[in-house]
Amino acid sequence: HDFGPDRLLHNRSTPGKFEFALVENSRTPLEPKS
């Protein structure tokens, strides 16, 4: 994504039904968010 957070979508779909869940990495205190 331009101008905002990229997205990694975990696929949890079944035939005929599409389902994606947002997944993110956890941030350490000394690590930049980006």
PDB file of all heavy atoms in Angstrom:
ATOM      1  N   HIS A   1       0.815  -1.205   0.000  1.00  0.00           N
ATOM      2  CA  HIS A   1       0.000   0.000   0.000  1.00  0.00           C
ATOM      3  C   HIS A   1       0.853   1.262   0.000  1.00  0.00           C
ATOM      4  O   HIS A   1       1.770   1.405   0.799  1.00  0.00           O
ATOM      5  CB  HIS A   1      -0.892   0.031   1.241  1.00  0.00           C
ATOM      6  CG  HIS A   1      -2.072  -0.874   1.153  1.00  0.00           C
ATOM      7  ND1 HIS A   1      -2.747  -1.336   2.259  1.00  0.00           N
ATOM      8  CD2 HIS A   1      -2.699  -1.422   0.084  1.00  0.00           C
ATOM      9  CE1 HIS A   1      -3.744  -2.114   1.884  1.00  0.00           C
ATOM     10  NE2 HIS A   1      -3.737  -2.180   0.570  1.00  0.00           N
ATOM     11  N   ASP A   2       0.514   2.171  -0.893  1.00  0.00           N
ATOM     12  CA  ASP A   2       1.047   3.522  -0.857  1.00  0.00           C
ATOM     13  C   ASP A   2       0.373   4.269   0.301  1.00  0.00           C
ATOM     14  O   ASP A   2      -0.790   4.010   0.619  1.00  0.00           O
ATOM     15  CB  ASP A   2       0.717   4.211  -2.183  1.00  0.00           C
ATOM     16  CG  ASP A   2       1.677   5.315  -2.546  1.00  0.00           C
ATOM     17  OD1 ASP A   2       2.569   5.608  -1.738  1.00  0.00           O
ATOM     18  OD2 ASP A   2       1.532   5.882  -3.646  1.00  0.00           O
ATOM     19  N   PHE A   3       1.100   5.156   0.959  1.00  0.00           N
ATOM     20  CA  PHE A   3       0.537   6.061   1.971  1.00  0.00           C
ATOM     21  C   PHE A   3      -0.045   5.354   3.193  1.00  0.00           C
ATOM     22  O   PHE A   3      -0.908   5.897   3.870  1.00  0.00           O
ATOM     23  CB  PHE A   3      -0.556   6.946   1.364  1.00  0.00           C
ATOM     24  CG  PHE A   3      -0.161   7.637   0.102  1.00  0.00           C
ATOM     25  CD1 PHE A   3      -0.851   7.431  -1.081  1.00  0.00           C
ATOM     26  CD2 PHE A   3       0.916   8.503   0.089  1.00  0.00           C
ATOM     27  CE1 PHE A   3      -0.489   8.070  -2.246  1.00  0.00           C
ATOM     28  CE2 PHE A   3       1.290   9.159  -1.076  1.00  0.00           C
ATOM     29  CZ  PHE A   3       0.593   8.935  -2.250  1.00  0.00           C
ATOM     30  N   GLY A   4       0.400   4.148   3.482  1.00  0.00           N
ATOM     31  CA  GLY A   4      -0.149   3.484   4.653  1.00  0.00           C
ATOM     32  C   GLY A   4       0.389   2.080   4.800  1.00  0.00           C
ATOM     33  O   GLY A   4       1.180   1.606   3.980  1.00  0.00           O
ATOM     34  N   PRO A   5      -0.028   1.379   5.852  1.00  0.00           N
ATOM     35  CA  PRO A   5       0.537   0.064   6.140  1.00  0.00           C
ATOM     36  C   PRO A   5       0.210  -0.973   5.079  1.00  0.00           C
ATOM     37  O   PRO A   5      -0.934  -1.077   4.627  1.00  0.00           O
ATOM     38  CB  PRO A   5      -0.099  -0.306   7.491  1.00  0.00           C
ATOM     39  CG  PRO A   5      -1.363   0.497   7.547  1.00  0.00           C
ATOM     40  CD  PRO A   5      -1.058   1.773   6.842  1.00  0.00           C
ATOM     41  N   ASP A   6       1.235  -1.716   4.670  1.00  0.00           N
ATOM     42  CA  ASP A   6       0.991  -2.891   3.846  1.00  0.00           C
ATOM     43  C   ASP A   6       0.176  -3.884   4.660  1.00  0.00           C
ATOM     44  O   ASP A   6       0.128  -3.833   5.891  1.00  0.00           O
ATOM     45  CB  ASP A   6       2.313  -3.546   3.430  1.00  0.00           C
ATOM     46  CG  ASP A   6       3.130  -2.676   2.491  1.00  0.00           C
ATOM     47  OD1 ASP A   6       2.625  -1.628   2.047  1.00  0.00           O
ATOM     48  OD2 ASP A   6       4.289  -3.042   2.212  1.00  0.00           O
ATOM     49  N   ARG A   7      -0.432  -4.857   3.958  1.00  0.00           N
ATOM     50  CA  ARG A   7      -1.252  -5.839   4.643  1.00  0.00           C
ATOM     51  C   ARG A   7      -0.882  -7.255   4.196  1.00  0.00           C
ATOM     52  O   ARG A   7      -0.834  -7.531   2.997  1.00  0.00           O
ATOM     53  CB  ARG A   7      -2.739  -5.600   4.365  1.00  0.00           C
ATOM     54  CG  ARG A   7      -3.277  -4.264   4.876  1.00  0.00           C
ATOM     55  CD  ARG A   7      -3.095  -4.106   6.370  1.00  0.00           C
ATOM     56  NE  ARG A   7      -3.798  -2.939   6.894  1.00  0.00           N
ATOM     57  CZ  ARG A   7      -3.709  -2.535   8.149  1.00  0.00           C
ATOM     58  NH1 ARG A   7      -2.930  -3.172   9.009  1.00  0.00           N
ATOM     59  NH2 ARG A   7      -4.377  -1.478   8.557  1.00  0.00           N
ATOM     60  N   LEU A   8      -0.607  -8.114   5.169  1.00  0.00           N
ATOM     61  CA  LEU A   8      -0.464  -9.544   4.916  1.00  0.00           C
ATOM     62  C   LEU A   8      -1.731 -10.207   5.417  1.00  0.00           C
ATOM     63  O   LEU A   8      -2.081 -10.099   6.599  1.00  0.00           O
ATOM     64  CB  LEU A   8       0.763 -10.114   5.626  1.00  0.00           C
ATOM     65  CG  LEU A   8       0.963 -11.632   5.471  1.00  0.00           C
ATOM     66  CD1 LEU A   8       1.111 -12.031   4.003  1.00  0.00           C
ATOM     67  CD2 LEU A   8       2.170 -12.102   6.279  1.00  0.00           C
ATOM     68  N   LEU A   9      -2.442 -10.879   4.510  1.00  0.00           N
ATOM     69  CA  LEU A   9      -3.726 -11.485   4.818  1.00  0.00           C
ATOM     70  C   LEU A   9      -3.587 -13.002   4.867  1.00  0.00           C
ATOM     71  O   LEU A   9      -3.223 -13.634   3.869  1.00  0.00           O
ATOM     72  CB  LEU A   9      -4.767 -11.087   3.771  1.00  0.00           C
ATOM     73  CG  LEU A   9      -4.994  -9.584   3.595  1.00  0.00           C
ATOM     74  CD1 LEU A   9      -5.997  -9.331   2.483  1.00  0.00           C
ATOM     75  CD2 LEU A   9      -5.461  -8.949   4.883  1.00  0.00           C
ATOM     76  N   HIS A  10      -3.869 -13.570   6.032  1.00  0.00           N
ATOM     77  CA  HIS A  10      -3.857 -15.022   6.189  1.00  0.00           C
ATOM     78  C   HIS A  10      -5.152 -15.586   5.625  1.00  0.00           C
ATOM     79  O   HIS A  10      -6.248 -15.156   5.980  1.00  0.00           O
ATOM     80  CB  HIS A  10      -3.724 -15.401   7.664  1.00  0.00           C
ATOM     81  CG  HIS A  10      -3.662 -16.873   7.898  1.00  0.00           C
ATOM     82  ND1 HIS A  10      -4.313 -17.507   8.933  1.00  0.00           N
ATOM     83  CD2 HIS A  10      -3.011 -17.851   7.210  1.00  0.00           C
ATOM     84  CE1 HIS A  10      -4.066 -18.800   8.890  1.00  0.00           C
ATOM     85  NE2 HIS A  10      -3.283 -19.032   7.852  1.00  0.00           N
ATOM     86  N   ASN A  11      -5.030 -16.570   4.745  1.00  0.00           N
ATOM     87  CA  ASN A  11      -6.183 -17.128   4.040  1.00  0.00           C
ATOM     88  C   ASN A  11      -6.862 -18.199   4.889  1.00  0.00           C
ATOM     89  O   ASN A  11      -6.258 -19.221   5.215  1.00  0.00           O
ATOM     90  CB  ASN A  11      -5.730 -17.717   2.700  1.00  0.00           C
ATOM     91  CG  ASN A  11      -6.903 -18.018   1.780  1.00  0.00           C
ATOM     92  OD1 ASN A  11      -8.054 -18.067   2.200  1.00  0.00           O
ATOM     93  ND2 ASN A  11      -6.594 -18.219   0.510  1.00  0.00           N
ATOM     94  N   ARG A  12      -8.118 -17.964   5.222  1.00  0.00           N
ATOM     95  CA  ARG A  12      -8.916 -18.920   5.999  1.00  0.00           C
ATOM     96  C   ARG A  12     -10.198 -19.275   5.251  1.00  0.00           C
ATOM     97  O   ARG A  12     -11.241 -19.561   5.850  1.00  0.00           O
ATOM     98  CB  ARG A  12      -9.221 -18.332   7.386  1.00  0.00           C
ATOM     99  CG  ARG A  12      -7.949 -17.996   8.165  1.00  0.00           C
ATOM    100  CD  ARG A  12      -8.215 -17.307   9.493  1.00  0.00           C
ATOM    101  NE  ARG A  12      -6.941 -16.961  10.141  1.00  0.00           N
ATOM    102  CZ  ARG A  12      -6.848 -16.297  11.298  1.00  0.00           C
ATOM    103  NH1 ARG A  12      -7.945 -15.915  11.933  1.00  0.00           N
ATOM    104  NH2 ARG A  12      -5.660 -16.027  11.816  1.00  0.00           N
ATOM    105  N   SER A  13     -10.129 -19.271   3.937  1.00  0.00           N
ATOM    106  CA  SER A  13     -11.302 -19.467   3.088  1.00  0.00           C
ATOM    107  C   SER A  13     -11.685 -20.936   2.976  1.00  0.00           C
ATOM    108  O   SER A  13     -10.877 -21.844   3.211  1.00  0.00           O
ATOM    109  CB  SER A  13     -11.035 -18.905   1.686  1.00  0.00           C
ATOM    110  OG  SER A  13     -10.660 -17.547   1.729  1.00  0.00           O
ATOM    111  N   THR A  14     -12.930 -21.151   2.594  1.00  0.00           N
ATOM    112  CA  THR A  14     -13.444 -22.462   2.209  1.00  0.00           C
ATOM    113  C   THR A  14     -14.159 -22.295   0.880  1.00  0.00           C
ATOM    114  O   THR A  14     -14.500 -21.161   0.491  1.00  0.00           O
ATOM    115  CB  THR A  14     -14.409 -23.014   3.269  1.00  0.00           C
ATOM    116  OG1 THR A  14     -15.453 -22.048   3.503  1.00  0.00           O
ATOM    117  CG2 THR A  14     -13.675 -23.297   4.582  1.00  0.00           C
ATOM    118  N   PRO A  15     -14.390 -23.382   0.129  1.00  0.00           N
ATOM    119  CA  PRO A  15     -14.991 -23.237  -1.200  1.00  0.00           C
ATOM    120  C   PRO A  15     -16.254 -22.377  -1.196  1.00  0.00           C
ATOM    121  O   PRO A  15     -17.196 -22.632  -0.453  1.00  0.00           O
ATOM    122  CB  PRO A  15     -15.283 -24.688  -1.595  1.00  0.00           C
ATOM    123  CG  PRO A  15     -14.205 -25.467  -0.916  1.00  0.00           C
ATOM    124  CD  PRO A  15     -14.025 -24.783   0.407  1.00  0.00           C
ATOM    125  N   GLY A  16     -16.212 -21.319  -1.992  1.00  0.00           N
ATOM    126  CA  GLY A  16     -17.343 -20.415  -2.111  1.00  0.00           C
ATOM    127  C   GLY A  16     -17.421 -19.353  -1.040  1.00  0.00           C
ATOM    128  O   GLY A  16     -18.254 -18.443  -1.131  1.00  0.00           O
ATOM    129  N   LYS A  17     -16.569 -19.439  -0.019  1.00  0.00           N
ATOM    130  CA  LYS A  17     -16.583 -18.452   1.059  1.00  0.00           C
ATOM    131  C   LYS A  17     -15.169 -17.937   1.272  1.00  0.00           C
ATOM    132  O   LYS A  17     -14.274 -18.702   1.638  1.00  0.00           O
ATOM    133  CB  LYS A  17     -17.116 -19.062   2.351  1.00  0.00           C
ATOM    134  CG  LYS A  17     -17.162 -18.062   3.512  1.00  0.00           C
ATOM    135  CD  LYS A  17     -17.664 -18.703   4.796  1.00  0.00           C
ATOM    136  CE  LYS A  17     -17.677 -17.709   5.943  1.00  0.00           C
ATOM    137  NZ  LYS A  17     -18.122 -18.330   7.216  1.00  0.00           N
ATOM    138  N   PHE A  18     -14.967 -16.650   1.068  1.00  0.00           N
ATOM    139  CA  PHE A  18     -13.636 -16.056   1.165  1.00  0.00           C
ATOM    140  C   PHE A  18     -13.474 -15.378   2.519  1.00  0.00           C
ATOM    141  O   PHE A  18     -14.301 -14.559   2.923  1.00  0.00           O
ATOM    142  CB  PHE A  18     -13.422 -15.055   0.034  1.00  0.00           C
ATOM    143  CG  PHE A  18     -13.461 -15.684  -1.325  1.00  0.00           C
ATOM    144  CD1 PHE A  18     -14.654 -15.806  -2.017  1.00  0.00           C
ATOM    145  CD2 PHE A  18     -12.309 -16.185  -1.904  1.00  0.00           C
ATOM    146  CE1 PHE A  18     -14.702 -16.405  -3.263  1.00  0.00           C
ATOM    147  CE2 PHE A  18     -12.335 -16.788  -3.149  1.00  0.00           C
ATOM    148  CZ  PHE A  18     -13.530 -16.898  -3.825  1.00  0.00           C
ATOM    149  N   GLU A  19     -12.409 -15.738   3.206  1.00  0.00           N
ATOM    150  CA  GLU A  19     -12.140 -15.169   4.517  1.00  0.00           C
ATOM    151  C   GLU A  19     -10.642 -14.945   4.675  1.00  0.00           C
ATOM    152  O   GLU A  19      -9.850 -15.877   4.515  1.00  0.00           O
ATOM    153  CB  GLU A  19     -12.644 -16.087   5.629  1.00  0.00           C
ATOM    154  CG  GLU A  19     -12.411 -15.522   7.028  1.00  0.00           C
ATOM    155  CD  GLU A  19     -12.877 -16.453   8.125  1.00  0.00           C
ATOM    156  OE1 GLU A  19     -13.468 -17.506   7.808  1.00  0.00           O
ATOM    157  OE2 GLU A  19     -12.633 -16.134   9.308  1.00  0.00           O
ATOM    158  N   PHE A  20     -10.266 -13.715   4.955  1.00  0.00           N
ATOM    159  CA  PHE A  20      -8.868 -13.353   5.163  1.00  0.00           C
ATOM    160  C   PHE A  20      -8.740 -12.620   6.500  1.00  0.00           C
ATOM    161  O   PHE A  20      -9.590 -11.805   6.849  1.00  0.00           O
ATOM    162  CB  PHE A  20      -8.352 -12.450   4.041  1.00  0.00           C
ATOM    163  CG  PHE A  20      -8.333 -13.099   2.684  1.00  0.00           C
ATOM    164  CD1 PHE A  20      -9.425 -13.007   1.844  1.00  0.00           C
ATOM    165  CD2 PHE A  20      -7.212 -13.799   2.259  1.00  0.00           C
ATOM    166  CE1 PHE A  20      -9.408 -13.599   0.592  1.00  0.00           C
ATOM    167  CE2 PHE A  20      -7.183 -14.388   1.012  1.00  0.00           C
ATOM    168  CZ  PHE A  20      -8.280 -14.298   0.176  1.00  0.00           C
ATOM    169  N   ALA A  21      -7.664 -12.899   7.216  1.00  0.00           N
ATOM    170  CA  ALA A  21      -7.421 -12.256   8.503  1.00  0.00           C
ATOM    171  C   ALA A  21      -6.133 -11.456   8.442  1.00  0.00           C
ATOM    172  O   ALA A  21      -5.110 -11.933   7.923  1.00  0.00           O
ATOM    173  CB  ALA A  21      -7.341 -13.296   9.620  1.00  0.00           C
ATOM    174  N   LEU A  22      -6.165 -10.235   8.978  1.00  0.00           N
ATOM    175  CA  LEU A  22      -4.967  -9.405   9.054  1.00  0.00           C
ATOM    176  C   LEU A  22      -3.989 -10.005  10.060  1.00  0.00           C
ATOM    177  O   LEU A  22      -4.377 -10.365  11.181  1.00  0.00           O
ATOM    178  CB  LEU A  22      -5.324  -7.990   9.494  1.00  0.00           C
ATOM    179  CG  LEU A  22      -6.155  -7.131   8.537  1.00  0.00           C
ATOM    180  CD1 LEU A  22      -6.562  -5.840   9.220  1.00  0.00           C
ATOM    181  CD2 LEU A  22      -5.383  -6.835   7.272  1.00  0.00           C
ATOM    182  N   VAL A  23      -2.723 -10.126   9.662  1.00  0.00           N
ATOM    183  CA  VAL A  23      -1.686 -10.581  10.587  1.00  0.00           C
ATOM    184  C   VAL A  23      -0.588  -9.524  10.626  1.00  0.00           C
ATOM    185  O   VAL A  23      -0.293  -8.873   9.627  1.00  0.00           O
ATOM    186  CB  VAL A  23      -1.106 -11.956  10.178  1.00  0.00           C
ATOM    187  CG1 VAL A  23      -2.180 -13.028  10.274  1.00  0.00           C
ATOM    188  CG2 VAL A  23      -0.522 -11.922   8.776  1.00  0.00           C
ATOM    189  N   GLU A  24      -0.003  -9.349  11.805  1.00  0.00           N
ATOM    190  CA  GLU A  24       1.037  -8.345  11.995  1.00  0.00           C
ATOM    191  C   GLU A  24       2.167  -8.906  12.825  1.00  0.00           C
ATOM    192  O   GLU A  24       1.989  -9.882  13.563  1.00  0.00           O
ATOM    193  CB  GLU A  24       0.461  -7.107  12.700  1.00  0.00           C
ATOM    194  CG  GLU A  24      -0.627  -6.385  11.942  1.00  0.00           C
ATOM    195  CD  GLU A  24      -1.176  -5.191  12.694  1.00  0.00           C
ATOM    196  OE1 GLU A  24      -0.841  -5.051  13.892  1.00  0.00           O
ATOM    197  OE2 GLU A  24      -1.935  -4.401  12.107  1.00  0.00           O
ATOM    198  N   ASN A  25       3.323  -8.276  12.709  1.00  0.00           N
ATOM    199  CA  ASN A  25       4.452  -8.640  13.555  1.00  0.00           C
ATOM    200  C   ASN A  25       4.403  -7.827  14.842  1.00  0.00           C
ATOM    201  O   ASN A  25       3.895  -6.708  14.861  1.00  0.00           O
ATOM    202  CB  ASN A  25       5.773  -8.386  12.828  1.00  0.00           C
ATOM    203  CG  ASN A  25       6.944  -9.086  13.486  1.00  0.00           C
ATOM    204  OD1 ASN A  25       6.761  -9.906  14.387  1.00  0.00           O
ATOM    205  ND2 ASN A  25       8.139  -8.784  13.044  1.00  0.00           N
ATOM    206  N   SER A  26       4.915  -8.393  15.916  1.00  0.00           N
ATOM    207  CA  SER A  26       4.959  -7.672  17.187  1.00  0.00           C
ATOM    208  C   SER A  26       6.218  -6.819  17.238  1.00  0.00           C
ATOM    209  O   SER A  26       7.288  -7.227  16.804  1.00  0.00           O
ATOM    210  CB  SER A  26       4.937  -8.647  18.357  1.00  0.00           C
ATOM    211  OG  SER A  26       5.980  -9.599  18.253  1.00  0.00           O
ATOM    212  N   ARG A  27       6.085  -5.632  17.808  1.00  0.00           N
ATOM    213  CA  ARG A  27       7.164  -4.641  17.820  1.00  0.00           C
ATOM    214  C   ARG A  27       7.925  -4.684  19.141  1.00  0.00           C
ATOM    215  O   ARG A  27       7.320  -4.761  20.207  1.00  0.00           O
ATOM    216  CB  ARG A  27       6.560  -3.255  17.596  1.00  0.00           C
ATOM    217  CG  ARG A  27       7.549  -2.117  17.617  1.00  0.00           C
ATOM    218  CD  ARG A  27       6.797  -0.805  17.543  1.00  0.00           C
ATOM    219  NE  ARG A  27       7.690   0.344  17.614  1.00  0.00           N
ATOM    220  CZ  ARG A  27       7.268   1.584  17.795  1.00  0.00           C
ATOM    221  NH1 ARG A  27       5.970   1.834  17.889  1.00  0.00           N
ATOM    222  NH2 ARG A  27       8.128   2.581  17.861  1.00  0.00           N
ATOM    223  N   THR A  28       9.244  -4.655  19.055  1.00  0.00           N
ATOM    224  CA  THR A  28      10.070  -4.554  20.251  1.00  0.00           C
ATOM    225  C   THR A  28      10.267  -3.084  20.605  1.00  0.00           C
ATOM    226  O   THR A  28      10.127  -2.209  19.740  1.00  0.00           O
ATOM    227  CB  THR A  28      11.437  -5.226  20.041  1.00  0.00           C
ATOM    228  OG1 THR A  28      12.127  -4.568  18.980  1.00  0.00           O
ATOM    229  CG2 THR A  28      11.261  -6.702  19.680  1.00  0.00           C
ATOM    230  N   PRO A  29      10.627  -2.757  21.868  1.00  0.00           N
ATOM    231  CA  PRO A  29      10.717  -1.351  22.294  1.00  0.00           C
ATOM    232  C   PRO A  29      11.698  -0.512  21.490  1.00  0.00           C
ATOM    233  O   PRO A  29      11.482   0.688  21.319  1.00  0.00           O
ATOM    234  CB  PRO A  29      11.158  -1.468  23.761  1.00  0.00           C
ATOM    235  CG  PRO A  29      10.686  -2.811  24.201  1.00  0.00           C
ATOM    236  CD  PRO A  29      10.796  -3.698  22.998  1.00  0.00           C
ATOM    237  N   LEU A  30      12.789  -1.107  21.007  1.00  0.00           N
ATOM    238  CA  LEU A  30      13.812  -0.335  20.297  1.00  0.00           C
ATOM    239  C   LEU A  30      13.698  -0.470  18.779  1.00  0.00           C
ATOM    240  O   LEU A  30      14.604  -0.074  18.055  1.00  0.00           O
ATOM    241  CB  LEU A  30      15.203  -0.786  20.754  1.00  0.00           C
ATOM    242  CG  LEU A  30      15.509  -0.602  22.243  1.00  0.00           C
ATOM    243  CD1 LEU A  30      16.913  -1.120  22.574  1.00  0.00           C
ATOM    244  CD2 LEU A  30      15.369   0.861  22.657  1.00  0.00           C
ATOM    245  N   GLU A  31      12.581  -0.992  18.304  1.00  0.00           N
ATOM    246  CA  GLU A  31      12.425  -1.248  16.874  1.00  0.00           C
ATOM    247  C   GLU A  31      11.444  -0.248  16.263  1.00  0.00           C
ATOM    248  O   GLU A  31      10.358  -0.026  16.814  1.00  0.00           O
ATOM    249  CB  GLU A  31      11.891  -2.670  16.679  1.00  0.00           C
ATOM    250  CG  GLU A  31      11.831  -3.135  15.248  1.00  0.00           C
ATOM    251  CD  GLU A  31      11.400  -4.592  15.174  1.00  0.00           C
ATOM    252  OE1 GLU A  31      10.479  -4.978  15.916  1.00  0.00           O
ATOM    253  OE2 GLU A  31      11.998  -5.344  14.398  1.00  0.00           O
ATOM    254  N   PRO A  32      11.805   0.390  15.145  1.00  0.00           N
ATOM    255  CA  PRO A  32      10.866   1.309  14.490  1.00  0.00           C
ATOM    256  C   PRO A  32       9.588   0.579  14.096  1.00  0.00           C
ATOM    257  O   PRO A  32       9.625  -0.566  13.639  1.00  0.00           O
ATOM    258  CB  PRO A  32      11.642   1.786  13.260  1.00  0.00           C
ATOM    259  CG  PRO A  32      13.083   1.546  13.582  1.00  0.00           C
ATOM    260  CD  PRO A  32      13.106   0.327  14.455  1.00  0.00           C
ATOM    261  N   LYS A  33       8.473   1.237  14.248  1.00  0.00           N
ATOM    262  CA  LYS A  33       7.182   0.625  13.937  1.00  0.00           C
ATOM    263  C   LYS A  33       7.118   0.140  12.499  1.00  0.00           C
ATOM    264  O   LYS A  33       6.590  -0.940  12.212  1.00  0.00           O
ATOM    265  CB  LYS A  33       6.059   1.632  14.208  1.00  0.00           C
ATOM    266  CG  LYS A  33       4.659   1.090  13.959  1.00  0.00           C
ATOM    267  CD  LYS A  33       3.606   2.133  14.281  1.00  0.00           C
ATOM    268  CE  LYS A  33       2.203   1.595  14.017  1.00  0.00           C
ATOM    269  NZ  LYS A  33       1.163   2.623  14.329  1.00  0.00           N
ATOM    270  N   SER A  34       7.666   0.936  11.581  1.00  0.00           N
ATOM    271  CA  SER A  34       7.554   0.609  10.165  1.00  0.00           C
ATOM    272  C   SER A  34       8.373  -0.604   9.749  1.00  0.00           C
ATOM    273  O   SER A  34       8.244  -1.070   8.619  1.00  0.00           O
ATOM    274  CB  SER A  34       7.955   1.812   9.306  1.00  0.00           C
ATOM    275  OG  SER A  34       6.942   2.793   9.319  1.00  0.00           O
TER     276      SER A  34
END
